[in-house]
Amino acid sequence: MERRNFLKGLGAASLVAVTTPTFINAKEEAAKAAPKGPNALSYDNAIRVIADGKEIKVSDKVDLVVPEIAENGAVVPVKVNVDHPMEENNYVKAIHILAKENGNARCADVMLTPLNGKGYFATRVKLAKTQDVVAVVELSDGTFLSANKSVKVTIGGCG
């Protein structure tokens, strides 16, 4: 074999080796990507931290708006509107948005004052997979209300 042909073959083999994707076990990859540390909370732990043992009641006063199907889990729109006064001693104190199946369940925490004028918050969250999105609302009197909805996350619009 000529040296030139040998080097061409070696170069082609190297190119194939470099451009071929490496496949990794999906569970191992998810475990690596899951956030770690004091701020990474499971859903149950996040609820414990937010409510500090107080009861959270499901309420129709909390209007949670999320799409039933999200084609891109990286940017899922979420809106929370709370039907509650925003008076000096009676107002929406905080709105928390959680994703039950994410490695870190807490997606957003918003603190409000009566000066905000309305118990409303909108954002986009990242969902790792199909799951429930939960809005937990803290009122100034220390009570907690919630609403949840399921969001089906698809890849490129395919289930």
Protein backbone atom coordinates (compact mmCIF):
# COMPACT_ATOMS: atom_id res chain seq x y z
CA MET A 1 0.00 0.00 0.00
CA GLU A 2 1.29 3.42 -0.83
CA ARG A 3 1.92 5.87 1.94
CA ARG A 4 -0.39 8.44 0.32
CA ASN A 5 -3.36 6.02 0.28
CA PHE A 6 -2.62 5.00 3.86
CA LEU A 7 -2.69 8.67 5.01
CA LYS A 8 -5.94 9.33 3.08
CA GLY A 9 -7.55 6.32 4.76
CA LEU A 10 -6.29 7.39 8.18
CA GLY A 11 -7.64 10.92 7.63
CA ALA A 12 -11.04 9.61 6.54
CA ALA A 13 -11.23 7.29 9.55
CA SER A 14 -10.33 10.17 11.86
CA LEU A 15 -13.02 12.38 10.30
CA VAL A 16 -15.66 9.69 10.77
CA ALA A 17 -14.62 9.16 14.39
CA VAL A 18 -14.79 12.89 15.14
CA THR A 19 -18.15 13.54 13.46
CA THR A 20 -19.97 10.42 14.70
CA PRO A 21 -22.21 11.36 17.67
CA THR A 22 -21.64 9.60 20.94
CA PHE A 23 -24.76 8.02 22.40
CA ILE A 24 -25.09 8.09 26.17
CA ASN A 25 -27.67 6.44 28.36
CA ALA A 26 -30.52 8.99 28.72
CA LYS A 27 -30.90 8.37 32.45
CA GLU A 28 -27.19 8.98 33.06
CA GLU A 29 -27.36 12.19 31.04
CA ALA A 30 -30.45 13.39 32.95
CA ALA A 31 -28.73 12.66 36.26
CA LYS A 32 -25.71 14.71 35.18
CA ALA A 33 -27.93 17.60 34.02
CA ALA A 34 -30.07 17.65 37.18
CA PRO A 35 -29.16 20.66 39.29
CA LYS A 36 -27.38 19.94 42.53
CA GLY A 37 -26.76 22.00 45.62
CA PRO A 38 -28.87 23.93 48.11
CA ASN A 39 -31.06 25.62 45.49
CA ALA A 40 -32.02 22.40 43.66
CA LEU A 41 -35.27 21.26 45.24
CA SER A 42 -37.66 18.47 44.40
CA TYR A 43 -41.33 19.46 44.21
CA ASP A 44 -42.13 18.19 47.72
CA ASN A 45 -39.13 19.97 49.25
CA ALA A 46 -39.96 23.19 47.39
CA ILE A 47 -43.53 23.10 48.75
CA ARG A 48 -42.16 22.57 52.28
CA VAL A 49 -39.84 25.57 51.91
CA ILE A 50 -42.52 27.83 50.43
CA ALA A 51 -45.45 26.99 52.73
CA ASP A 52 -43.45 26.09 55.84
CA GLY A 53 -45.92 23.37 56.77
CA LYS A 54 -49.08 25.43 56.18
CA GLU A 55 -51.98 24.04 54.17
CA ILE A 56 -52.18 24.94 50.48
CA LYS A 57 -55.75 25.03 49.15
CA VAL A 58 -56.61 24.54 45.49
CA SER A 59 -58.62 27.60 44.47
CA ASP A 60 -60.46 28.84 41.41
CA LYS A 61 -59.27 32.35 42.37
CA VAL A 62 -55.88 31.38 40.93
CA ASP A 63 -56.07 31.42 37.13
CA LEU A 64 -53.08 29.50 35.73
CA VAL A 65 -52.71 29.75 31.96
CA VAL A 66 -50.33 27.31 30.23
CA PRO A 67 -50.59 25.56 26.87
CA GLU A 68 -51.97 22.01 26.85
CA ILE A 69 -49.22 21.05 24.38
CA ALA A 70 -45.81 22.73 24.24
CA GLU A 71 -43.80 22.04 21.09
CA ASN A 72 -40.65 23.38 22.74
CA GLY A 73 -40.14 22.55 26.40
CA ALA A 74 -37.41 25.19 26.67
CA VAL A 75 -39.85 28.12 26.39
CA VAL A 76 -43.28 27.32 27.82
CA PRO A 77 -45.38 30.45 28.48
CA VAL A 78 -46.97 30.66 31.93
CA LYS A 79 -49.42 33.30 33.19
CA VAL A 80 -50.87 33.54 36.68
CA ASN A 81 -53.71 35.92 37.49
CA VAL A 82 -55.06 36.00 41.06
CA ASP A 83 -58.59 37.27 41.72
CA HIS A 84 -57.78 38.98 45.01
CA PRO A 85 -57.66 42.59 46.20
CA MET A 86 -54.36 44.46 46.36
CA GLU A 87 -55.10 46.62 49.42
CA GLU A 88 -52.61 47.69 52.08
CA ASN A 89 -53.47 44.91 54.56
CA ASN A 90 -54.98 42.39 52.14
CA TYR A 91 -52.94 41.56 49.05
CA VAL A 92 -51.15 38.89 47.05
CA LYS A 93 -47.74 38.63 48.71
CA ALA A 94 -46.04 36.12 46.39
CA ILE A 95 -46.56 33.94 43.32
CA HIS A 96 -44.46 30.79 42.96
CA ILE A 97 -44.34 28.73 39.76
CA LEU A 98 -43.20 25.12 40.04
CA ALA A 99 -42.70 22.24 37.62
CA LYS A 100 -43.30 18.90 39.38
CA GLU A 101 -40.88 16.76 37.35
CA ASN A 102 -37.97 19.16 36.78
CA GLY A 103 -34.72 18.47 38.62
CA ASN A 104 -35.22 21.84 40.29
CA ALA A 105 -38.96 22.26 40.74
CA ARG A 106 -38.86 26.00 41.49
CA CYS A 107 -39.14 27.89 38.21
CA ALA A 108 -40.01 31.38 39.44
CA ASP A 109 -40.71 33.22 42.69
CA VAL A 110 -42.24 36.71 42.53
CA MET A 111 -42.77 38.90 45.57
CA LEU A 112 -45.51 41.53 45.32
CA THR A 113 -46.70 44.54 47.32
CA PRO A 114 -50.03 46.40 47.28
CA LEU A 115 -48.32 48.95 45.02
CA ASN A 116 -48.24 46.38 42.21
CA GLY A 117 -51.98 46.93 41.81
CA LYS A 118 -52.72 43.43 40.53
CA GLY A 119 -51.82 39.88 41.46
CA TYR A 120 -50.46 38.94 38.04
CA PHE A 121 -47.26 37.43 36.69
CA ALA A 122 -46.21 36.08 33.29
CA THR A 123 -43.01 34.36 32.24
CA ARG A 124 -41.62 31.45 30.25
CA VAL A 125 -40.31 28.32 31.95
CA LYS A 126 -38.28 25.32 30.89
CA LEU A 127 -39.93 21.92 31.25
CA ALA A 128 -37.79 18.80 31.09
CA LYS A 129 -40.73 16.60 30.02
CA THR A 130 -44.52 16.28 30.13
CA GLN A 131 -45.62 17.28 33.63
CA ASP A 132 -47.84 19.42 35.84
CA VAL A 133 -47.09 23.11 36.28
CA VAL A 134 -48.22 24.48 39.65
CA ALA A 135 -48.85 28.05 40.77
CA VAL A 136 -48.71 28.60 44.53
CA VAL A 137 -49.96 31.97 45.75
CA GLU A 138 -49.19 33.38 49.17
CA LEU A 139 -51.59 35.98 50.55
CA SER A 140 -50.64 38.66 53.06
CA ASP A 141 -52.65 36.92 55.80
CA GLY A 142 -50.39 33.85 55.50
CA THR A 143 -52.78 31.60 53.59
CA PHE A 144 -51.77 29.72 50.47
CA LEU A 145 -53.80 29.06 47.31
CA SER A 146 -52.83 27.00 44.28
CA ALA A 147 -53.75 25.83 40.81
CA ASN A 148 -52.12 23.26 38.56
CA LYS A 149 -52.35 22.20 34.94
CA SER A 150 -50.69 19.51 32.89
CA VAL A 151 -48.46 20.44 29.94
CA LYS A 152 -47.56 17.84 27.33
CA VAL A 153 -44.06 18.55 26.03
CA THR A 154 -43.47 17.29 22.48
CA ILE A 155 -40.37 17.24 20.34
CA GLY A 156 -40.92 19.18 17.13
CA GLY A 157 -44.69 18.84 17.49
CA CYS A 158 -44.62 15.02 17.65
CA GLY A 159 -45.90 13.12 20.71
